[in-house]
Amino acid sequence: NSLKSEDTAVYFCAATPRELTTEAEAATVALYDYWGQGTQVTVS
């Protein structure tokens, strides 16, 4: 919601079999094993 121009990026979803117990773990790219191809979001 309330999208800004700074939100312009390619957005990816990812999945992991690991139990992520902290926010730091959830934010770690290397802990995700599967990734989508990405979808472009452009905010003018």
Full PDB file with SEQRES, HELIX, SHEET, SSBOND, CRYST1, ORIGX, SCALE, CONECT and MASTER records, all heavy atoms in Angstrom:
SEQRES   1 A   44  ASN SER LEU LYS SER GLU ASP THR ALA VAL TYR PHE CYS          
SEQRES   2 A   44  ALA ALA THR PRO ARG GLU LEU THR THR GLU ALA GLU ALA          
SEQRES   3 A   44  ALA THR VAL ALA LEU TYR ASP TYR TRP GLY GLN GLY THR          
SEQRES   4 A   44  GLN VAL THR VAL SER                                          
HELIX    1 AA1 SER A    5  ASP A    7  5                                   3    
HELIX    2 AA2 GLU A   23  ALA A   26  1                                   4    
HELIX    3 AA3 VAL A   29  LEU A   31  5                                   3    
SHEET    1 AA1 2 ALA A   9  TYR A  11  0                                        
SHEET    2 AA1 2 THR A  39  VAL A  41 -1                                        
SHEET    1 AA2 2 ALA A  14  ALA A  15  0                                        
SHEET    2 AA2 2 TYR A  34  TRP A  35 -1                                        
CRYST1    1.000    1.000    1.000  90.00  90.00  90.00 P 1           1          
ORIGX1      1.000000  0.000000  0.000000        0.00000                         
ORIGX2      0.000000  1.000000  0.000000        0.00000                         
ORIGX3      0.000000  0.000000  1.000000        0.00000                         
SCALE1      1.000000  0.000000  0.000000        0.00000                         
SCALE2      0.000000  1.000000  0.000000        0.00000                         
SCALE3      0.000000  0.000000  1.000000        0.00000                         
ATOM      1  N   ASN A   1       0.830  -1.196   0.000  1.00  0.00           N  
ATOM      2  CA  ASN A   1       0.000   0.000   0.000  1.00  0.00           C  
ATOM      3  C   ASN A   1       0.870   1.254   0.000  1.00  0.00           C  
ATOM      4  O   ASN A   1       2.042   1.216   0.369  1.00  0.00           O  
ATOM      5  CB  ASN A   1      -0.912   0.015   1.227  1.00  0.00           C  
ATOM      6  CG  ASN A   1      -1.840  -1.171   1.290  1.00  0.00           C  
ATOM      7  OD1 ASN A   1      -2.478  -1.527   0.297  1.00  0.00           O  
ATOM      8  ND2 ASN A   1      -1.936  -1.793   2.463  1.00  0.00           N  
ATOM      9  N   SER A   2       0.265   2.360  -0.392  1.00  0.00           N  
ATOM     10  CA  SER A   2       0.951   3.654  -0.386  1.00  0.00           C  
ATOM     11  C   SER A   2       2.316   3.574  -1.052  1.00  0.00           C  
ATOM     12  O   SER A   2       3.333   4.008  -0.510  1.00  0.00           O  
ATOM     13  CB  SER A   2       1.087   4.159   1.060  1.00  0.00           C  
ATOM     14  OG  SER A   2      -0.178   4.281   1.678  1.00  0.00           O  
ATOM     15  N   LEU A   3       2.336   3.032  -2.239  1.00  0.00           N  
ATOM     16  CA  LEU A   3       3.592   2.805  -2.932  1.00  0.00           C  
ATOM     17  C   LEU A   3       4.306   4.109  -3.263  1.00  0.00           C  
ATOM     18  O   LEU A   3       3.677   5.124  -3.574  1.00  0.00           O  
ATOM     19  CB  LEU A   3       3.353   2.001  -4.202  1.00  0.00           C  
ATOM     20  CG  LEU A   3       3.069   0.517  -3.962  1.00  0.00           C  
ATOM     21  CD1 LEU A   3       2.470  -0.123  -5.198  1.00  0.00           C  
ATOM     22  CD2 LEU A   3       4.354  -0.206  -3.554  1.00  0.00           C  
ATOM     23  N   LYS A   4       5.622   4.050  -3.182  1.00  0.00           N  
ATOM     24  CA  LYS A   4       6.487   5.184  -3.461  1.00  0.00           C  
ATOM     25  C   LYS A   4       7.411   4.835  -4.619  1.00  0.00           C  
ATOM     26  O   LYS A   4       7.624   3.662  -4.928  1.00  0.00           O  
ATOM     27  CB  LYS A   4       7.333   5.529  -2.224  1.00  0.00           C  
ATOM     28  CG  LYS A   4       6.550   5.709  -0.941  1.00  0.00           C  
ATOM     29  CD  LYS A   4       7.497   5.855   0.244  1.00  0.00           C  
ATOM     30  CE  LYS A   4       6.746   5.985   1.551  1.00  0.00           C  
ATOM     31  NZ  LYS A   4       7.680   6.091   2.712  1.00  0.00           N  
ATOM     32  N   SER A   5       7.983   5.857  -5.222  1.00  0.00           N  
ATOM     33  CA  SER A   5       8.918   5.618  -6.311  1.00  0.00           C  
ATOM     34  C   SER A   5      10.107   4.771  -5.841  1.00  0.00           C  
ATOM     35  O   SER A   5      10.662   3.998  -6.630  1.00  0.00           O  
ATOM     36  CB  SER A   5       9.412   6.935  -6.903  1.00  0.00           C  
ATOM     37  OG  SER A   5      10.072   7.725  -5.924  1.00  0.00           O  
ATOM     38  N   GLU A   6      10.473   4.899  -4.584  1.00  0.00           N  
ATOM     39  CA  GLU A   6      11.576   4.123  -4.024  1.00  0.00           C  
ATOM     40  C   GLU A   6      11.277   2.629  -3.955  1.00  0.00           C  
ATOM     41  O   GLU A   6      12.189   1.823  -3.733  1.00  0.00           O  
ATOM     42  CB  GLU A   6      11.929   4.620  -2.622  1.00  0.00           C  
ATOM     43  CG  GLU A   6      12.259   6.106  -2.548  1.00  0.00           C  
ATOM     44  CD  GLU A   6      11.052   6.938  -2.183  1.00  0.00           C  
ATOM     45  OE1 GLU A   6      10.261   7.244  -3.091  1.00  0.00           O  
ATOM     46  OE2 GLU A   6      10.907   7.289  -0.987  1.00  0.00           O  
ATOM     47  N   ASP A   7      10.011   2.245  -4.125  1.00  0.00           N  
ATOM     48  CA  ASP A   7       9.635   0.835  -4.110  1.00  0.00           C  
ATOM     49  C   ASP A   7       9.866   0.151  -5.452  1.00  0.00           C  
ATOM     50  O   ASP A   7       9.680  -1.062  -5.563  1.00  0.00           O  
ATOM     51  CB  ASP A   7       8.165   0.680  -3.718  1.00  0.00           C  
ATOM     52  CG  ASP A   7       7.885   1.146  -2.304  1.00  0.00           C  
ATOM     53  OD1 ASP A   7       8.695   0.845  -1.402  1.00  0.00           O  
ATOM     54  OD2 ASP A   7       6.851   1.817  -2.095  1.00  0.00           O  
ATOM     55  N   THR A   8      10.247   0.906  -6.451  1.00  0.00           N  
ATOM     56  CA  THR A   8      10.500   0.335  -7.771  1.00  0.00           C  
ATOM     57  C   THR A   8      11.641  -0.675  -7.694  1.00  0.00           C  
ATOM     58  O   THR A   8      12.743  -0.351  -7.263  1.00  0.00           O  
ATOM     59  CB  THR A   8      10.838   1.435  -8.780  1.00  0.00           C  
ATOM     60  OG1 THR A   8       9.699   2.287  -8.946  1.00  0.00           O  
ATOM     61  CG2 THR A   8      11.206   0.837 -10.131  1.00  0.00           C  
ATOM     62  N   ALA A   9      11.359  -1.902  -8.104  1.00  0.00           N  
ATOM     63  CA  ALA A   9      12.344  -2.977  -8.018  1.00  0.00           C  
ATOM     64  C   ALA A   9      11.760  -4.234  -8.635  1.00  0.00           C  
ATOM     65  O   ALA A   9      10.575  -4.286  -8.978  1.00  0.00           O  
ATOM     66  CB  ALA A   9      12.728  -3.248  -6.557  1.00  0.00           C  
ATOM     67  N   VAL A  10      12.597  -5.242  -8.765  1.00  0.00           N  
ATOM     68  CA  VAL A  10      12.127  -6.577  -9.091  1.00  0.00           C  
ATOM     69  C   VAL A  10      11.850  -7.285  -7.775  1.00  0.00           C  
ATOM     70  O   VAL A  10      12.709  -7.319  -6.885  1.00  0.00           O  
ATOM     71  CB  VAL A  10      13.155  -7.366  -9.921  1.00  0.00           C  
ATOM     72  CG1 VAL A  10      12.655  -8.790 -10.169  1.00  0.00           C  
ATOM     73  CG2 VAL A  10      13.414  -6.660 -11.246  1.00  0.00           C  
ATOM     74  N   TYR A  11      10.668  -7.846  -7.645  1.00  0.00           N  
ATOM     75  CA  TYR A  11      10.257  -8.506  -6.419  1.00  0.00           C  
ATOM     76  C   TYR A  11      10.317 -10.019  -6.596  1.00  0.00           C  
ATOM     77  O   TYR A  11       9.805 -10.567  -7.571  1.00  0.00           O  
ATOM     78  CB  TYR A  11       8.841  -8.070  -6.032  1.00  0.00           C  
ATOM     79  CG  TYR A  11       8.807  -6.677  -5.453  1.00  0.00           C  
ATOM     80  CD1 TYR A  11       9.059  -5.567  -6.261  1.00  0.00           C  
ATOM     81  CD2 TYR A  11       8.545  -6.461  -4.103  1.00  0.00           C  
ATOM     82  CE1 TYR A  11       9.053  -4.287  -5.734  1.00  0.00           C  
ATOM     83  CE2 TYR A  11       8.530  -5.179  -3.568  1.00  0.00           C  
ATOM     84  CZ  TYR A  11       8.786  -4.098  -4.391  1.00  0.00           C  
ATOM     85  OH  TYR A  11       8.778  -2.827  -3.864  1.00  0.00           O  
ATOM     86  N   PHE A  12      10.942 -10.688  -5.640  1.00  0.00           N  
ATOM     87  CA  PHE A  12      11.141 -12.129  -5.673  1.00  0.00           C  
ATOM     88  C   PHE A  12      10.470 -12.785  -4.474  1.00  0.00           C  
ATOM     89  O   PHE A  12      10.506 -12.253  -3.365  1.00  0.00           O  
ATOM     90  CB  PHE A  12      12.631 -12.482  -5.615  1.00  0.00           C  
ATOM     91  CG  PHE A  12      13.452 -11.952  -6.760  1.00  0.00           C  
ATOM     92  CD1 PHE A  12      14.031 -10.691  -6.693  1.00  0.00           C  
ATOM     93  CD2 PHE A  12      13.659 -12.722  -7.882  1.00  0.00           C  
ATOM     94  CE1 PHE A  12      14.799 -10.200  -7.734  1.00  0.00           C  
ATOM     95  CE2 PHE A  12      14.425 -12.247  -8.931  1.00  0.00           C  
ATOM     96  CZ  PHE A  12      14.997 -10.986  -8.857  1.00  0.00           C  
ATOM     97  N   CYS A  13       9.894 -13.947  -4.684  1.00  0.00           N  
ATOM     98  CA  CYS A  13       9.485 -14.768  -3.565  1.00  0.00           C  
ATOM     99  C   CYS A  13      10.494 -15.894  -3.394  1.00  0.00           C  
ATOM    100  O   CYS A  13      11.193 -16.280  -4.335  1.00  0.00           O  
ATOM    101  CB  CYS A  13       8.065 -15.315  -3.728  1.00  0.00           C  
ATOM    102  SG  CYS A  13       7.818 -16.478  -5.084  1.00  0.00           S  
ATOM    103  N   ALA A  14      10.591 -16.394  -2.187  1.00  0.00           N  
ATOM    104  CA  ALA A  14      11.564 -17.423  -1.861  1.00  0.00           C  
ATOM    105  C   ALA A  14      10.992 -18.356  -0.808  1.00  0.00           C  
ATOM    106  O   ALA A  14      10.101 -17.982  -0.043  1.00  0.00           O  
ATOM    107  CB  ALA A  14      12.862 -16.788  -1.357  1.00  0.00           C  
ATOM    108  N   ALA A  15      11.521 -19.574  -0.779  1.00  0.00           N  
ATOM    109  CA  ALA A  15      11.060 -20.564   0.185  1.00  0.00           C  
ATOM    110  C   ALA A  15      12.246 -21.275   0.803  1.00  0.00           C  
ATOM    111  O   ALA A  15      13.301 -21.412   0.183  1.00  0.00           O  
ATOM    112  CB  ALA A  15      10.129 -21.570  -0.484  1.00  0.00           C  
ATOM    113  N   THR A  16      12.052 -21.735   2.029  1.00  0.00           N  
ATOM    114  CA  THR A  16      13.110 -22.431   2.744  1.00  0.00           C  
ATOM    115  C   THR A  16      12.533 -23.566   3.571  1.00  0.00           C  
ATOM    116  O   THR A  16      11.443 -23.441   4.131  1.00  0.00           O  
ATOM    117  CB  THR A  16      13.892 -21.472   3.659  1.00  0.00           C  
ATOM    118  OG1 THR A  16      14.888 -22.206   4.374  1.00  0.00           O  
ATOM    119  CG2 THR A  16      12.967 -20.779   4.656  1.00  0.00           C  
ATOM    120  N   PRO A  17      13.245 -24.691   3.660  1.00  0.00           N  
ATOM    121  CA  PRO A  17      12.812 -25.768   4.553  1.00  0.00           C  
ATOM    122  C   PRO A  17      13.252 -25.550   5.993  1.00  0.00           C  
ATOM    123  O   PRO A  17      12.858 -26.308   6.877  1.00  0.00           O  
ATOM    124  CB  PRO A  17      13.509 -26.998   3.959  1.00  0.00           C  
ATOM    125  CG  PRO A  17      14.771 -26.444   3.384  1.00  0.00           C  
ATOM    126  CD  PRO A  17      14.405 -25.078   2.856  1.00  0.00           C  
ATOM    127  N   ARG A  18      14.045 -24.540   6.233  1.00  0.00           N  
ATOM    128  CA  ARG A  18      14.569 -24.279   7.559  1.00  0.00           C  
ATOM    129  C   ARG A  18      13.536 -23.593   8.447  1.00  0.00           C  
ATOM    130  O   ARG A  18      12.707 -22.826   7.982  1.00  0.00           O  
ATOM    131  CB  ARG A  18      15.826 -23.407   7.486  1.00  0.00           C  
ATOM    132  CG  ARG A  18      16.970 -24.026   6.715  1.00  0.00           C  
ATOM    133  CD  ARG A  18      18.129 -23.048   6.598  1.00  0.00           C  
ATOM    134  NE  ARG A  18      19.291 -23.648   5.983  1.00  0.00           N  
ATOM    135  CZ  ARG A  18      19.487 -23.728   4.681  1.00  0.00           C  
ATOM    136  NH1 ARG A  18      18.587 -23.239   3.844  1.00  0.00           N  
ATOM    137  NH2 ARG A  18      20.588 -24.298   4.204  1.00  0.00           N  
ATOM    138  N   GLU A  19      13.625 -23.870   9.727  1.00  0.00           N  
ATOM    139  CA  GLU A  19      12.807 -23.161  10.703  1.00  0.00           C  
ATOM    140  C   GLU A  19      13.538 -21.879  11.078  1.00  0.00           C  
ATOM    141  O   GLU A  19      14.534 -21.908  11.801  1.00  0.00           O  
ATOM    142  CB  GLU A  19      12.562 -24.029  11.928  1.00  0.00           C  
ATOM    143  CG  GLU A  19      11.718 -25.255  11.653  1.00  0.00           C  
ATOM    144  CD  GLU A  19      11.358 -26.007  12.912  1.00  0.00           C  
ATOM    145  OE1 GLU A  19      11.380 -25.398  14.008  1.00  0.00           O  
ATOM    146  OE2 GLU A  19      11.048 -27.203  12.814  1.00  0.00           O  
ATOM    147  N   LEU A  20      13.039 -20.783  10.586  1.00  0.00           N  
ATOM    148  CA  LEU A  20      13.650 -19.487  10.847  1.00  0.00           C  
ATOM    149  C   LEU A  20      13.073 -18.923  12.135  1.00  0.00           C  
ATOM    150  O   LEU A  20      11.879 -18.615  12.203  1.00  0.00           O  
ATOM    151  CB  LEU A  20      13.399 -18.547   9.679  1.00  0.00           C  
ATOM    152  CG  LEU A  20      13.843 -19.077   8.310  1.00  0.00           C  
ATOM    153  CD1 LEU A  20      13.457 -18.098   7.213  1.00  0.00           C  
ATOM    154  CD2 LEU A  20      15.339 -19.335   8.286  1.00  0.00           C  
ATOM    155  N   THR A  21      13.914 -18.811  13.135  1.00  0.00           N  
ATOM    156  CA  THR A  21      13.445 -18.451  14.472  1.00  0.00           C  
ATOM    157  C   THR A  21      13.654 -16.997  14.826  1.00  0.00           C  
ATOM    158  O   THR A  21      13.115 -16.527  15.828  1.00  0.00           O  
ATOM    159  CB  THR A  21      14.121 -19.326  15.529  1.00  0.00           C  
ATOM    160  OG1 THR A  21      15.540 -19.158  15.468  1.00  0.00           O  
ATOM    161  CG2 THR A  21      13.790 -20.796  15.294  1.00  0.00           C  
ATOM    162  N   THR A  22      14.433 -16.281  14.043  1.00  0.00           N  
ATOM    163  CA  THR A  22      14.678 -14.872  14.306  1.00  0.00           C  
ATOM    164  C   THR A  22      14.475 -14.062  13.037  1.00  0.00           C  
ATOM    165  O   THR A  22      14.524 -14.585  11.924  1.00  0.00           O  
ATOM    166  CB  THR A  22      16.106 -14.615  14.823  1.00  0.00           C  
ATOM    167  OG1 THR A  22      17.048 -14.889  13.785  1.00  0.00           O  
ATOM    168  CG2 THR A  22      16.412 -15.501  16.026  1.00  0.00           C  
ATOM    169  N   GLU A  23      14.259 -12.770  13.222  1.00  0.00           N  
ATOM    170  CA  GLU A  23      14.102 -11.895  12.073  1.00  0.00           C  
ATOM    171  C   GLU A  23      15.390 -11.825  11.265  1.00  0.00           C  
ATOM    172  O   GLU A  23      15.356 -11.738  10.039  1.00  0.00           O  
ATOM    173  CB  GLU A  23      13.686 -10.499  12.539  1.00  0.00           C  
ATOM    174  CG  GLU A  23      13.299  -9.571  11.406  1.00  0.00           C  
ATOM    175  CD  GLU A  23      12.567  -8.342  11.893  1.00  0.00           C  
ATOM    176  OE1 GLU A  23      11.443  -8.492  12.421  1.00  0.00           O  
ATOM    177  OE2 GLU A  23      13.123  -7.235  11.769  1.00  0.00           O  
ATOM    178  N   ALA A  24      16.522 -11.887  11.938  1.00  0.00           N  
ATOM    179  CA  ALA A  24      17.798 -11.872  11.244  1.00  0.00           C  
ATOM    180  C   ALA A  24      17.925 -13.073  10.307  1.00  0.00           C  
ATOM    181  O   ALA A  24      18.421 -12.950   9.185  1.00  0.00           O  
ATOM    182  CB  ALA A  24      18.947 -11.843  12.247  1.00  0.00           C  
ATOM    183  N   GLU A  25      17.494 -14.237  10.758  1.00  0.00           N  
ATOM    184  CA  GLU A  25      17.519 -15.415   9.899  1.00  0.00           C  
ATOM    185  C   GLU A  25      16.562 -15.260   8.722  1.00  0.00           C  
ATOM    186  O   GLU A  25      16.896 -15.614   7.588  1.00  0.00           O  
ATOM    187  CB  GLU A  25      17.163 -16.669  10.705  1.00  0.00           C  
ATOM    188  CG  GLU A  25      18.247 -17.102  11.676  1.00  0.00           C  
ATOM    189  CD  GLU A  25      17.883 -18.360  12.425  1.00  0.00           C  
ATOM    190  OE1 GLU A  25      16.681 -18.710  12.460  1.00  0.00           O  
ATOM    191  OE2 GLU A  25      18.789 -19.004  12.980  1.00  0.00           O  
ATOM    192  N   ALA A  26      15.381 -14.734   8.979  1.00  0.00           N  
ATOM    193  CA  ALA A  26      14.403 -14.556   7.919  1.00  0.00           C  
ATOM    194  C   ALA A  26      14.913 -13.621   6.828  1.00  0.00           C  
ATOM    195  O   ALA A  26      14.541 -13.755   5.663  1.00  0.00           O  
ATOM    196  CB  ALA A  26      13.100 -14.015   8.499  1.00  0.00           C  
ATOM    197  N   ALA A  27      15.769 -12.691   7.205  1.00  0.00           N  
ATOM    198  CA  ALA A  27      16.279 -11.696   6.276  1.00  0.00           C  
ATOM    199  C   ALA A  27      17.544 -12.140   5.546  1.00  0.00           C  
ATOM    200  O   ALA A  27      18.076 -11.372   4.740  1.00  0.00           O  
ATOM    201  CB  ALA A  27      16.549 -10.388   7.018  1.00  0.00           C  
ATOM    202  N   THR A  28      18.015 -13.340   5.803  1.00  0.00           N  
ATOM    203  CA  THR A  28      19.269 -13.817   5.228  1.00  0.00           C  
ATOM    204  C   THR A  28      19.017 -14.550   3.918  1.00  0.00           C  
ATOM    205  O   THR A  28      18.432 -15.629   3.897  1.00  0.00           O  
ATOM    206  CB  THR A  28      19.998 -14.738   6.215  1.00  0.00           C  
ATOM    207  OG1 THR A  28      20.246 -14.031   7.431  1.00  0.00           O  
ATOM    208  CG2 THR A  28      21.325 -15.202   5.635  1.00  0.00           C  
ATOM    209  N   VAL A  29      19.478 -13.961   2.841  1.00  0.00           N  
ATOM    210  CA  VAL A  29      19.260 -14.513   1.509  1.00  0.00           C  
ATOM    211  C   VAL A  29      19.766 -15.943   1.391  1.00  0.00           C  
ATOM    212  O   VAL A  29      19.117 -16.806   0.795  1.00  0.00           O  
ATOM    213  CB  VAL A  29      19.925 -13.616   0.442  1.00  0.00           C  
ATOM    214  CG1 VAL A  29      19.926 -14.290  -0.928  1.00  0.00           C  
ATOM    215  CG2 VAL A  29      19.217 -12.276   0.368  1.00  0.00           C  
ATOM    216  N   ALA A  30      20.926 -16.217   1.974  1.00  0.00           N  
ATOM    217  CA  ALA A  30      21.577 -17.508   1.825  1.00  0.00           C  
ATOM    218  C   ALA A  30      20.794 -18.654   2.456  1.00  0.00           C  
ATOM    219  O   ALA A  30      21.069 -19.819   2.154  1.00  0.00           O  
ATOM    220  CB  ALA A  30      22.984 -17.456   2.414  1.00  0.00           C  
ATOM    221  N   LEU A  31      19.845 -18.361   3.316  1.00  0.00           N  
ATOM    222  CA  LEU A  31      19.082 -19.405   3.983  1.00  0.00           C  
ATOM    223  C   LEU A  31      17.880 -19.878   3.173  1.00  0.00           C  
ATOM    224  O   LEU A  31      17.195 -20.811   3.587  1.00  0.00           O  
ATOM    225  CB  LEU A  31      18.631 -18.931   5.361  1.00  0.00           C  
ATOM    226  CG  LEU A  31      19.761 -18.635   6.359  1.00  0.00           C  
ATOM    227  CD1 LEU A  31      19.180 -18.235   7.707  1.00  0.00           C  
ATOM    228  CD2 LEU A  31      20.676 -19.836   6.516  1.00  0.00           C  
ATOM    229  N   TYR A  32      17.611 -19.256   2.055  1.00  0.00           N  
ATOM    230  CA  TYR A  32      16.510 -19.655   1.189  1.00  0.00           C  
ATOM    231  C   TYR A  32      17.032 -20.514   0.042  1.00  0.00           C  
ATOM    232  O   TYR A  32      18.020 -20.163  -0.610  1.00  0.00           O  
ATOM    233  CB  TYR A  32      15.767 -18.432   0.657  1.00  0.00           C  
ATOM    234  CG  TYR A  32      15.039 -17.678   1.737  1.00  0.00           C  
ATOM    235  CD1 TYR A  32      15.708 -16.778   2.553  1.00  0.00           C  
ATOM    236  CD2 TYR A  32      13.678 -17.881   1.949  1.00  0.00           C  
ATOM    237  CE1 TYR A  32      15.041 -16.100   3.559  1.00  0.00           C  
ATOM    238  CE2 TYR A  32      13.003 -17.203   2.949  1.00  0.00           C  
ATOM    239  CZ  TYR A  32      13.689 -16.313   3.753  1.00  0.00           C  
ATOM    240  OH  TYR A  32      13.027 -15.640   4.749  1.00  0.00           O  
ATOM    241  N   ASP A  33      16.355 -21.614  -0.220  1.00  0.00           N  
ATOM    242  CA  ASP A  33      16.812 -22.576  -1.211  1.00  0.00           C  
ATOM    243  C   ASP A  33      16.114 -22.447  -2.560  1.00  0.00           C  
ATOM    244  O   ASP A  33      16.652 -22.895  -3.578  1.00  0.00           O  
ATOM    245  CB  ASP A  33      16.606 -24.000  -0.687  1.00  0.00           C  
ATOM    246  CG  ASP A  33      17.389 -24.258   0.582  1.00  0.00           C  
ATOM    247  OD1 ASP A  33      18.627 -24.378   0.494  1.00  0.00           O  
ATOM    248  OD2 ASP A  33      16.764 -24.345   1.660  1.00  0.00           O  
ATOM    249  N   TYR A  34      14.926 -21.867  -2.574  1.00  0.00           N  
ATOM    250  CA  TYR A  34      14.149 -21.780  -3.798  1.00  0.00           C  
ATOM    251  C   TYR A  34      13.711 -20.344  -4.032  1.00  0.00           C  
ATOM    252  O   TYR A  34      13.290 -19.650  -3.106  1.00  0.00           O  
ATOM    253  CB  TYR A  34      12.927 -22.704  -3.731  1.00  0.00           C  
ATOM    254  CG  TYR A  34      13.298 -24.156  -3.573  1.00  0.00           C  
ATOM    255  CD1 TYR A  34      13.344 -24.750  -2.324  1.00  0.00           C  
ATOM    256  CD2 TYR A  34      13.619 -24.924  -4.689  1.00  0.00           C  
ATOM    257  CE1 TYR A  34      13.699 -26.075  -2.174  1.00  0.00           C  
ATOM    258  CE2 TYR A  34      13.977 -26.255  -4.548  1.00  0.00           C  
ATOM    259  CZ  TYR A  34      14.012 -26.825  -3.293  1.00  0.00           C  
ATOM    260  OH  TYR A  34      14.364 -28.145  -3.157  1.00  0.00           O  
ATOM    261  N   TRP A  35      13.792 -19.932  -5.294  1.00  0.00           N  
ATOM    262  CA  TRP A  35      13.471 -18.565  -5.682  1.00  0.00           C  
ATOM    263  C   TRP A  35      12.614 -18.542  -6.933  1.00  0.00           C  
ATOM    264  O   TRP A  35      12.781 -19.364  -7.833  1.00  0.00           O  
ATOM    265  CB  TRP A  35      14.750 -17.767  -5.954  1.00  0.00           C  
ATOM    266  CG  TRP A  35      15.589 -17.568  -4.735  1.00  0.00           C  
ATOM    267  CD1 TRP A  35      16.493 -18.430  -4.208  1.00  0.00           C  
ATOM    268  CD2 TRP A  35      15.592 -16.416  -3.888  1.00  0.00           C  
ATOM    269  NE1 TRP A  35      17.061 -17.888  -3.077  1.00  0.00           N  
ATOM    270  CE2 TRP A  35      16.534 -16.661  -2.867  1.00  0.00           C  
ATOM    271  CE3 TRP A  35      14.898 -15.203  -3.907  1.00  0.00           C  
ATOM    272  CZ2 TRP A  35      16.783 -15.725  -1.854  1.00  0.00           C  
ATOM    273  CZ3 TRP A  35      15.145 -14.279  -2.904  1.00  0.00           C  
ATOM    274  CH2 TRP A  35      16.090 -14.552  -1.893  1.00  0.00           C  
ATOM    275  N   GLY A  36      11.705 -17.585  -6.991  1.00  0.00           N  
ATOM    276  CA  GLY A  36      10.951 -17.346  -8.199  1.00  0.00           C  
ATOM    277  C   GLY A  36      11.765 -16.526  -9.181  1.00  0.00           C  
ATOM    278  O   GLY A  36      12.898 -16.113  -8.901  1.00  0.00           O  
ATOM    279  N   GLN A  37      11.185 -16.287 -10.345  1.00  0.00           N  
ATOM    280  CA  GLN A  37      11.892 -15.570 -11.403  1.00  0.00           C  
ATOM    281  C   GLN A  37      11.863 -14.060 -11.223  1.00  0.00           C  
ATOM    282  O   GLN A  37      12.625 -13.343 -11.879  1.00  0.00           O  
ATOM    283  CB  GLN A  37      11.297 -15.936 -12.768  1.00  0.00           C  
ATOM    284  CG  GLN A  37      10.005 -15.210 -13.131  1.00  0.00           C  
ATOM    285  CD  GLN A  37       8.786 -15.673 -12.352  1.00  0.00           C  
ATOM    286  OE1 GLN A  37       8.833 -16.664 -11.622  1.00  0.00           O  
ATOM    287  NE2 GLN A  37       7.681 -14.956 -12.497  1.00  0.00           N  
ATOM    288  N   GLY A  38      10.996 -13.572 -10.367  1.00  0.00           N  
ATOM    289  CA  GLY A  38      10.874 -12.152 -10.119  1.00  0.00           C  
ATOM    290  C   GLY A  38       9.787 -11.506 -10.949  1.00  0.00           C  
ATOM    291  O   GLY A  38       9.497 -11.928 -12.065  1.00  0.00           O  
ATOM    292  N   THR A  39       9.174 -10.468 -10.397  1.00  0.00           N  
ATOM    293  CA  THR A  39       8.182  -9.687 -11.113  1.00  0.00           C  
ATOM    294  C   THR A  39       8.486  -8.207 -10.904  1.00  0.00           C  
ATOM    295  O   THR A  39       8.792  -7.774  -9.794  1.00  0.00           O  
ATOM    296  CB  THR A  39       6.748 -10.041 -10.655  1.00  0.00           C  
ATOM    297  OG1 THR A  39       5.796  -9.352 -11.460  1.00  0.00           O  
ATOM    298  CG2 THR A  39       6.518  -9.683  -9.192  1.00  0.00           C  
ATOM    299  N   GLN A  40       8.431  -7.450 -11.973  1.00  0.00           N  
ATOM    300  CA  GLN A  40       8.803  -6.040 -11.933  1.00  0.00           C  
ATOM    301  C   GLN A  40       7.668  -5.189 -11.375  1.00  0.00           C  
ATOM    302  O   GLN A  40       6.522  -5.294 -11.816  1.00  0.00           O  
ATOM    303  CB  GLN A  40       9.175  -5.543 -13.334  1.00  0.00           C  
ATOM    304  CG  GLN A  40       9.510  -4.055 -13.405  1.00  0.00           C  
ATOM    305  CD  GLN A  40      10.829  -3.720 -12.754  1.00  0.00           C  
ATOM    306  OE1 GLN A  40      11.811  -4.424 -12.939  1.00  0.00           O  
ATOM    307  NE2 GLN A  40      10.854  -2.628 -11.979  1.00  0.00           N  
ATOM    308  N   VAL A  41       8.010  -4.339 -10.434  1.00  0.00           N  
ATOM    309  CA  VAL A  41       7.092  -3.330  -9.916  1.00  0.00           C  
ATOM    310  C   VAL A  41       7.711  -1.968 -10.187  1.00  0.00           C  
ATOM    311  O   VAL A  41       8.827  -1.694  -9.752  1.00  0.00           O  
ATOM    312  CB  VAL A  41       6.830  -3.497  -8.413  1.00  0.00           C  
ATOM    313  CG1 VAL A  41       6.006  -2.326  -7.872  1.00  0.00           C  
ATOM    314  CG2 VAL A  41       6.115  -4.814  -8.145  1.00  0.00           C  
ATOM    315  N   THR A  42       6.996  -1.140 -10.912  1.00  0.00           N  
ATOM    316  CA  THR A  42       7.466   0.205 -11.229  1.00  0.00           C  
ATOM    317  C   THR A  42       6.453   1.214 -10.715  1.00  0.00           C  
ATOM    318  O   THR A  42       5.272   1.147 -11.066  1.00  0.00           O  
ATOM    319  CB  THR A  42       7.664   0.383 -12.741  1.00  0.00           C  
ATOM    320  OG1 THR A  42       8.594  -0.589 -13.221  1.00  0.00           O  
ATOM    321  CG2 THR A  42       8.200   1.774 -13.049  1.00  0.00           C  
ATOM    322  N   VAL A  43       6.919   2.138  -9.900  1.00  0.00           N  
ATOM    323  CA  VAL A  43       6.057   3.157  -9.309  1.00  0.00           C  
ATOM    324  C   VAL A  43       6.473   4.509  -9.871  1.00  0.00           C  
ATOM    325  O   VAL A  43       7.598   4.959  -9.657  1.00  0.00           O  
ATOM    326  CB  VAL A  43       6.154   3.171  -7.781  1.00  0.00           C  
ATOM    327  CG1 VAL A  43       5.168   4.180  -7.199  1.00  0.00           C  
ATOM    328  CG2 VAL A  43       5.889   1.777  -7.225  1.00  0.00           C  
ATOM    329  N   SER A  44       5.578   5.140 -10.580  1.00  0.00           N  
ATOM    330  CA  SER A  44       5.855   6.440 -11.170  1.00  0.00           C  
ATOM    331  C   SER A  44       5.374   7.549 -10.252  1.00  0.00           C  
ATOM    332  O   SER A  44       4.386   7.407  -9.524  1.00  0.00           O  
ATOM    333  CB  SER A  44       5.188   6.567 -12.540  1.00  0.00           C  
ATOM    334  OG  SER A  44       3.774   6.493 -12.427  1.00  0.00           O  
TER     335      SER A  44                                                      
MASTER        0    0    0    3    4    0    0    6  334    1    0    4          
END                                                                             
